[in-house]
Protein backbone atom coordinates (compact mmCIF):
# COMPACT_ATOMS: atom_id res chain seq x y z
CA MET A 1 -40.66 25.65 22.74
CA ILE A 2 -39.17 24.83 19.92
CA SER A 3 -41.16 26.22 16.24
CA PHE A 4 -40.67 23.83 13.09
CA THR A 5 -42.28 27.15 11.08
CA PRO A 6 -39.09 28.87 8.99
CA THR A 7 -39.35 32.17 8.18
CA ASP A 8 -40.79 33.24 5.08
CA GLU A 9 -36.61 34.71 4.60
CA GLN A 10 -36.17 31.27 5.78
CA GLN A 11 -38.35 29.51 3.70
CA LEU A 12 -36.87 32.05 0.81
CA LEU A 13 -33.21 30.68 1.81
CA ILE A 14 -34.56 26.97 1.54
CA ASP A 15 -36.06 27.36 -1.51
CA THR A 16 -33.20 28.42 -3.14
CA ILE A 17 -30.32 26.75 -2.40
CA ARG A 18 -33.00 23.29 -3.17
CA ARG A 19 -32.82 24.63 -6.62
CA TYR A 20 -29.42 25.45 -6.00
CA ALA A 21 -28.68 21.68 -5.50
CA LEU A 22 -30.68 19.84 -8.02
CA ASN A 23 -30.32 22.14 -10.78
CA ASP A 24 -26.33 22.74 -10.03
CA MET A 25 -24.72 20.31 -6.97
CA ARG A 26 -26.31 17.06 -8.46
CA PRO A 27 -25.16 16.95 -11.86
CA VAL A 28 -21.83 17.90 -11.37
CA ALA A 29 -21.27 15.75 -8.02
CA HIS A 30 -20.73 12.56 -9.81
CA ASP A 31 -17.96 13.59 -12.40
CA ALA A 32 -16.34 15.69 -9.17
CA ASP A 33 -16.13 12.47 -7.35
CA GLU A 34 -14.86 10.49 -10.21
CA ASP A 35 -11.94 13.57 -11.04
CA SER A 36 -11.72 14.77 -7.49
CA ALA A 37 -11.50 17.68 -8.43
CA LEU A 38 -14.22 20.38 -6.90
CA PRO A 39 -15.94 22.18 -10.41
CA GLN A 40 -15.32 25.95 -9.50
CA ALA A 41 -18.56 27.31 -11.47
CA VAL A 42 -20.75 25.08 -9.18
CA VAL A 43 -18.78 26.43 -5.78
CA GLN A 44 -18.37 30.25 -7.12
CA LYS A 45 -22.39 30.07 -7.65
CA GLY A 46 -22.71 28.34 -4.19
CA TRP A 47 -20.83 31.19 -2.68
CA GLU A 48 -23.27 33.86 -4.14
CA LEU A 49 -26.10 32.41 -2.13
CA GLY A 50 -24.24 34.62 0.27
CA LEU A 51 -24.67 32.35 2.94
CA VAL A 52 -21.18 34.20 4.82
CA PRO A 53 -21.53 37.61 3.94
CA SER A 54 -24.91 38.60 5.00
CA VAL A 55 -23.86 37.65 8.69
CA ILE A 56 -21.18 40.70 8.69
CA PRO A 57 -22.27 43.39 10.25
CA GLU A 58 -23.06 46.14 8.38
CA GLU A 59 -20.73 48.64 9.31
CA LEU A 60 -17.98 46.37 7.96
CA GLY A 61 -20.59 46.10 4.39
CA GLY A 62 -22.77 42.93 5.20
CA LEU A 63 -26.40 43.02 5.48
CA GLY A 64 -25.48 42.39 9.97
CA ASP A 65 -28.35 39.74 9.40
CA PRO A 66 -27.87 37.83 12.48
CA LEU A 67 -25.29 34.34 12.91
CA SER A 68 -28.76 32.20 13.47
CA ALA A 69 -27.82 28.20 14.15
CA ILE A 70 -31.36 27.22 13.02
CA THR A 71 -30.58 29.38 9.65
CA GLY A 72 -27.40 27.39 8.67
CA ALA A 73 -28.73 23.60 9.54
CA LEU A 74 -30.94 24.57 7.10
CA ALA A 75 -28.31 25.68 4.62
CA ALA A 76 -26.45 22.78 5.32
CA GLU A 77 -28.70 19.87 5.14
CA GLU A 78 -30.28 22.01 1.68
CA LEU A 79 -26.59 21.87 0.90
CA ALA A 80 -25.48 18.91 0.99
CA TYR A 81 -28.47 17.12 0.00
CA GLY A 82 -26.52 18.53 -3.24
CA ASP A 83 -23.42 17.17 -2.43
CA LEU A 84 -21.10 16.80 0.13
CA ALA A 85 -17.33 17.18 -1.11
CA LEU A 86 -19.43 20.54 -2.74
CA ALA A 87 -21.60 21.31 0.53
CA LEU A 88 -18.26 21.81 2.40
CA ALA A 89 -16.52 23.30 0.05
CA VAL A 90 -19.02 26.52 -0.30
CA LEU A 91 -19.20 26.66 3.22
CA SER A 92 -15.52 26.17 4.15
CA PRO A 93 -15.14 29.74 4.46
CA ALA A 94 -17.12 30.68 7.39
CA LEU A 95 -15.06 28.03 9.48
CA LEU A 96 -13.11 30.80 10.47
CA ALA A 97 -15.40 34.06 9.60
CA TYR A 98 -17.97 32.63 11.92
CA PRO A 99 -15.73 32.49 14.97
CA LEU A 100 -14.51 35.56 13.54
CA VAL A 101 -17.88 37.61 13.62
CA LEU A 102 -18.50 36.21 16.92
CA TYR A 103 -15.12 36.07 19.06
CA GLY A 104 -12.70 39.12 16.50
CA THR A 105 -11.21 42.13 17.97
CA ALA A 106 -13.00 44.85 16.78
CA GLU A 107 -9.46 44.87 14.96
CA GLN A 108 -9.47 41.59 13.99
CA ARG A 109 -12.37 42.02 12.80
CA GLU A 110 -12.12 45.17 10.72
CA ASN A 111 -8.75 43.57 9.02
CA LEU A 112 -10.22 39.95 7.59
CA LEU A 113 -13.99 39.93 7.68
CA PRO A 114 -13.99 42.14 4.36
CA MET A 115 -12.28 39.67 2.40
CA PHE A 116 -15.43 37.85 2.56
CA LEU A 117 -17.84 40.25 0.71
CA GLY A 118 -15.80 39.56 -2.71
CA GLU A 119 -17.23 38.41 -5.60
CA ARG A 120 -15.18 35.18 -4.62
CA PRO A 121 -14.87 32.56 -2.25
CA ALA A 122 -12.72 34.25 0.47
CA PRO A 123 -9.34 32.47 0.37
CA ALA A 124 -9.73 30.85 4.69
CA THR A 125 -10.06 27.61 6.37
CA ALA A 126 -9.36 26.28 9.93
CA ALA A 127 -7.86 23.35 11.01
CA LEU A 128 -9.03 21.90 14.37
CA LEU A 129 -9.36 17.56 13.27
CA GLU A 130 -6.01 15.64 14.58
CA PRO A 131 -4.14 12.56 13.21
CA GLY A 132 -4.92 9.52 15.16
CA ILE A 133 -7.22 7.06 17.17
CA SER A 134 -9.65 8.50 19.40
CA PHE A 135 -9.31 12.37 18.12
CA ASP A 136 -10.80 14.21 21.55
CA PRO A 137 -10.74 17.80 20.51
CA HIS A 138 -10.58 18.49 24.56
CA ASP A 139 -7.71 17.37 24.32
CA LEU A 140 -4.76 18.72 21.45
CA LYS A 141 -1.87 17.55 20.25
CA THR A 142 -1.37 20.70 18.27
CA THR A 143 0.32 23.94 21.41
CA ALA A 144 0.90 27.59 21.67
CA ALA A 145 3.77 28.90 23.40
CA VAL A 146 3.42 31.99 24.14
CA ASN A 147 6.40 34.16 24.56
CA GLY A 148 6.00 38.03 25.54
CA SER A 149 4.62 39.53 22.00
CA LYS A 150 5.08 36.22 19.41
CA VAL A 151 3.26 32.73 20.20
CA LYS A 152 5.33 29.57 18.23
CA LEU A 153 2.77 27.18 17.01
CA ASN A 154 3.29 23.17 16.88
CA GLY A 155 1.72 19.94 15.70
CA VAL A 156 -0.03 18.30 13.12
CA LYS A 157 -3.54 19.07 11.58
CA ALA A 158 -5.43 17.21 9.33
CA TYR A 159 -8.20 16.72 6.79
CA VAL A 160 -7.46 20.74 6.57
CA PRO A 161 -9.57 21.80 3.75
CA GLN A 162 -8.98 24.06 0.44
CA VAL A 163 -5.69 25.11 2.67
CA GLU A 164 -4.18 25.23 -0.51
CA THR A 165 -6.21 28.27 -2.21
CA SER A 166 -6.83 29.81 1.68
CA GLN A 167 -4.49 32.69 2.22
CA TRP A 168 -5.58 32.67 6.17
CA MET A 169 -6.74 29.76 8.46
CA LEU A 170 -7.62 29.14 11.80
CA VAL A 171 -5.63 26.96 14.27
CA TYR A 172 -7.14 25.47 17.00
CA ALA A 173 -4.10 25.41 20.15
CA ARG A 174 -3.73 24.32 23.28
CA ASN A 175 -1.63 26.92 25.65
CA VAL A 176 1.47 24.94 27.07
CA GLU A 177 0.61 27.34 30.03
CA SER A 178 -2.86 27.23 30.37
CA GLY A 179 -4.17 24.34 29.10
CA ALA A 180 -6.70 25.50 27.47
CA VAL A 181 -7.97 25.62 23.73
CA GLU A 182 -7.09 29.11 22.02
CA ALA A 183 -7.71 30.15 17.63
CA TYR A 184 -5.14 31.32 15.95
CA LEU A 185 -5.37 33.46 13.06
CA VAL A 186 -2.23 32.31 10.56
CA GLU A 187 -1.28 32.59 7.39
CA SER A 188 -0.57 29.90 5.62
CA SER A 189 3.33 31.77 4.66
CA VAL A 190 4.28 32.14 8.12
CA PRO A 191 7.68 30.21 8.47
CA GLY A 192 6.88 26.60 9.88
CA VAL A 193 3.99 26.33 8.60
CA ARG A 194 4.01 23.06 5.57
CA ILE A 195 1.52 21.80 3.87
CA GLU A 196 1.97 18.97 3.07
CA LYS A 197 0.04 16.31 0.05
CA ARG A 198 -3.40 16.56 -0.13
CA GLU A 199 -5.64 13.58 1.71
CA LYS A 200 -7.21 11.07 -0.09
CA LEU A 201 -10.42 9.97 1.32
CA MET A 202 -12.38 6.92 0.84
CA GLY A 203 -15.42 9.95 0.48
CA VAL A 204 -16.13 13.55 0.02
CA ARG A 205 -12.68 12.64 -2.59
CA ALA A 206 -14.39 16.22 -4.44
CA LEU A 207 -12.78 18.30 -1.66
CA PRO A 208 -8.86 18.99 -1.53
CA THR A 209 -7.90 18.71 2.66
CA TYR A 210 -4.79 18.51 3.73
CA ARG A 211 -2.89 17.72 6.66
CA VAL A 212 -0.63 20.62 7.50
CA ARG A 213 2.21 20.36 9.70
CA PHE A 214 3.50 23.61 12.24
CA GLU A 215 6.94 23.19 13.68
CA ASP A 216 7.72 26.38 15.46
CA ALA A 217 5.26 28.77 13.15
CA GLU A 218 5.66 32.26 15.38
CA VAL A 219 2.60 34.45 15.29
CA ASP A 220 2.77 37.71 16.96
CA LEU A 221 -0.11 37.83 19.51
CA ALA A 222 -2.37 39.60 18.34
CA CYS A 223 -3.14 37.29 16.38
CA ARG A 224 -5.31 35.06 19.17
CA LEU A 225 -9.20 35.17 18.27
CA GLY A 226 -10.54 37.34 20.47
CA GLY A 227 -7.75 38.61 21.96
CA ALA A 228 -7.11 38.44 25.84
CA VAL A 229 -10.91 37.70 26.40
CA GLY A 230 -10.35 34.20 23.65
CA ILE A 231 -13.35 32.45 22.46
CA ASP A 232 -15.73 30.31 23.84
CA TYR A 233 -14.12 27.02 22.39
CA LEU A 234 -17.50 24.63 23.63
CA ALA A 235 -20.10 26.87 21.77
CA LEU A 236 -17.62 27.24 18.66
CA LEU A 237 -17.58 22.95 19.03
CA ASN A 238 -21.19 22.96 19.06
CA ARG A 239 -21.66 25.33 16.70
CA GLN A 240 -19.38 22.33 14.40
CA ARG A 241 -21.62 19.88 15.92
CA VAL A 242 -24.48 20.60 14.72
CA ALA A 243 -23.65 21.79 11.16
CA LEU A 244 -22.28 18.08 10.95
CA ALA A 245 -25.60 16.79 12.79
CA ALA A 246 -27.18 19.13 9.39
CA LEU A 247 -25.50 18.15 6.64
CA ALA A 248 -25.62 14.33 8.07
CA VAL A 249 -29.50 14.90 7.60
CA GLY A 250 -29.19 16.10 3.93
CA VAL A 251 -27.15 13.29 2.77
CA ALA A 252 -29.15 10.76 4.50
CA ARG A 253 -32.30 12.59 2.97
CA ALA A 254 -30.96 11.97 -0.46
CA SER A 255 -30.23 8.40 -0.70
CA PHE A 256 -33.47 7.47 0.90
CA GLU A 257 -35.57 9.85 -1.62
CA TYR A 258 -33.73 7.70 -4.63
CA ALA A 259 -34.28 4.69 -3.30
CA ARG A 260 -37.55 5.11 -1.89
CA ASP A 261 -38.39 6.49 -5.65
CA TYR A 262 -36.31 2.96 -7.57
CA ALA A 263 -38.50 0.64 -5.55
CA LYS A 264 -41.35 2.38 -6.51
CA GLN A 265 -40.84 2.48 -10.03
CA ARG A 266 -37.82 -1.35 -9.97
CA VAL A 267 -40.54 -4.30 -10.67
CA GLN A 268 -39.55 -7.81 -9.62
CA PHE A 269 -42.41 -10.81 -9.67
CA GLY A 270 -44.34 -8.83 -11.51
CA LYS A 271 -45.14 -6.01 -8.33
CA PRO A 272 -43.16 -2.90 -7.71
CA ILE A 273 -39.91 -4.42 -5.32
CA ALA A 274 -41.50 -1.05 -2.77
CA GLN A 275 -44.38 -3.43 -1.71
CA ASN A 276 -41.95 -6.50 -0.25
CA GLN A 277 -42.13 -5.88 3.30
CA ALA A 278 -38.40 -6.65 3.98
CA ILE A 279 -37.77 -3.06 1.61
CA ALA A 280 -40.49 -1.08 3.53
CA PHE A 281 -39.74 -1.58 6.72
CA MET A 282 -36.82 -0.57 5.77
CA LEU A 283 -37.56 2.16 4.08
CA ALA A 284 -39.90 3.10 6.56
CA GLU A 285 -37.50 2.76 9.27
CA CYS A 286 -34.63 5.15 6.82
CA ALA A 287 -37.35 7.62 6.94
CA ILE A 288 -37.80 7.66 11.16
CA GLU A 289 -34.13 7.80 11.70
CA ILE A 290 -33.64 10.86 8.86
CA ASP A 291 -36.56 12.84 11.54
CA ALA A 292 -35.47 12.30 14.03
CA ALA A 293 -31.92 13.34 13.24
CA ARG A 294 -33.02 16.28 12.07
CA LEU A 295 -35.25 17.63 15.42
CA MET A 296 -32.39 16.97 17.22
CA ALA A 297 -29.85 18.96 15.58
CA TRP A 298 -32.92 21.62 14.99
CA GLU A 299 -32.97 21.02 19.05
CA ALA A 300 -29.82 22.20 19.11
CA ALA A 301 -29.59 24.88 16.76
CA TRP A 302 -32.42 26.44 18.67
CA LYS A 303 -30.87 26.17 22.47
CA LEU A 304 -27.59 27.55 20.52
CA ASP A 305 -30.01 31.08 18.60
CA GLN A 306 -31.21 31.12 22.95
CA GLY A 307 -27.91 31.96 23.69
CA GLN A 308 -28.59 28.43 25.98
CA ASP A 309 -26.23 25.86 27.18
CA ALA A 310 -26.34 23.25 24.00
CA THR A 311 -23.58 21.42 24.93
CA ARG A 312 -25.12 17.96 25.78
CA GLU A 313 -28.30 18.39 22.48
CA ALA A 314 -25.16 19.37 19.85
CA TYR A 315 -23.29 16.65 21.03
CA LEU A 316 -26.62 13.72 20.99
CA ALA A 317 -27.08 14.84 17.35
CA LYS A 318 -24.13 14.53 16.53
CA MET A 319 -23.73 10.95 17.41
CA TYR A 320 -27.05 10.25 16.74
CA ALA A 321 -26.96 11.55 12.98
CA ASP A 322 -23.88 9.86 12.08
CA LYS A 323 -25.50 6.47 13.45
CA ALA A 324 -28.69 7.63 11.26
CA VAL A 325 -26.68 8.54 8.46
CA LEU A 326 -25.15 5.16 7.63
CA PHE A 327 -27.96 3.23 8.52
CA VAL A 328 -30.23 5.13 5.79
CA THR A 329 -27.18 5.73 3.11
CA ASP A 330 -26.17 1.62 3.47
CA SER A 331 -30.07 0.85 2.74
CA GLY A 332 -30.11 3.04 -0.02
CA VAL A 333 -27.62 0.54 -1.29
CA GLN A 334 -28.55 -2.71 -0.34
CA THR A 335 -32.52 -1.24 -1.64
CA LEU A 336 -30.47 -0.98 -4.85
CA GLY A 337 -29.35 -4.69 -5.08
CA GLY A 338 -26.21 -4.79 -7.84
CA TYR A 339 -27.41 -1.60 -9.17
CA GLY A 340 -26.00 0.16 -5.51
CA PHE A 341 -22.73 -1.27 -5.52
CA ILE A 342 -21.88 0.27 -9.36
CA ARG A 343 -20.53 3.73 -9.12
CA GLU A 344 -22.08 5.06 -11.61
CA TYR A 345 -25.07 5.00 -9.09
CA PRO A 346 -25.46 7.74 -6.30
CA ALA A 347 -26.15 5.18 -3.90
CA GLU A 348 -21.75 4.01 -3.38
CA ARG A 349 -20.94 7.98 -3.09
CA TRP A 350 -23.47 9.30 -0.52
CA LEU A 351 -22.50 5.15 1.42
CA ARG A 352 -19.03 6.16 1.67
CA ASN A 353 -19.25 9.87 1.68
CA GLY A 354 -22.14 9.15 5.03
CA ARG A 355 -19.66 6.30 6.91
CA GLY A 356 -17.14 9.80 6.99
CA PHE A 357 -19.18 12.27 9.41
CA PRO A 358 -17.85 10.31 13.13
CA THR A 359 -14.22 12.34 11.38
CA PHE A 360 -15.54 14.82 10.10
CA ASP A 361 -14.91 16.78 13.54
CA GLY A 362 -14.18 20.85 12.58
CA LEU A 363 -14.66 20.68 8.75
CA ALA A 364 -18.49 23.19 9.13
CA ILE A 365 -19.72 25.15 10.80
CA VAL A 366 -23.70 27.03 11.59
């Protein structure tokens, strides 16, 4: 049975991140979006929360906490409640660190995990999503051709976050012989890796994402995450889906609370608009959607932490959250009326960010 009571450690983390979200992220979110630039001081403070270093094994200098999907989902919701673009920036090093903790060989972990213990965000990211209609994570077009002790990577990745400042990226590719999806630890400086110009997105505009092209980019076979054993790709996809569902809940919650408070204060025809049946019913439906999406994300995360197959739950949580966040953020714009369409108000930013969730595959992990 799933417990709905956070542990003392989890509650402390929630409270800490919520203060960070309200006091640090919220005040800079608008300007960051307008300027399409990350406020590095705020990202730095988010890194100092220690979400990634805490799960690195003690023998490598970390705290050795278990990698809990539930804890990750709680943290992701609170970060996205502050701002989605900043949340994704703070969490992007985990895209490489968490799979490395879960599946890395002893040598890979010893060589790379120490870089996540530094005072500044680790220069690491991951590349999963590919350009095109109807992206299918089980049918990757990026290929890995093994020849002896070398591997050649070919293909194009999209929405690769912060790769321009990353030294390492985890690249997901389909083995041309076996057809299995593998993950490779690739240095950005490898010949054949070409980082193209920054993508211009409708939402999360502060987060720098790039298209990356691999043209016979050659790496050692030892760079295959997990060595000969490899990775549990489906488990990683499930962790990514839970993360995105939790982030969507955070965005939806931010929009809902703002719209709810506005509706209580905005007076028309002698009464707050929250007393109008149409507004009240819409806000009530928003609250239902948020709670439903959160519970679905928690269920999937709980199953992951229990070592159970969470494929069904993670997929459904992601699909439901995609729709819920769009409904809630659109309702937020409607509640504000004309003000909802003005960029000085956060409602339209939440709507733009919420609309992007169906395309955010691989941008977060718990």
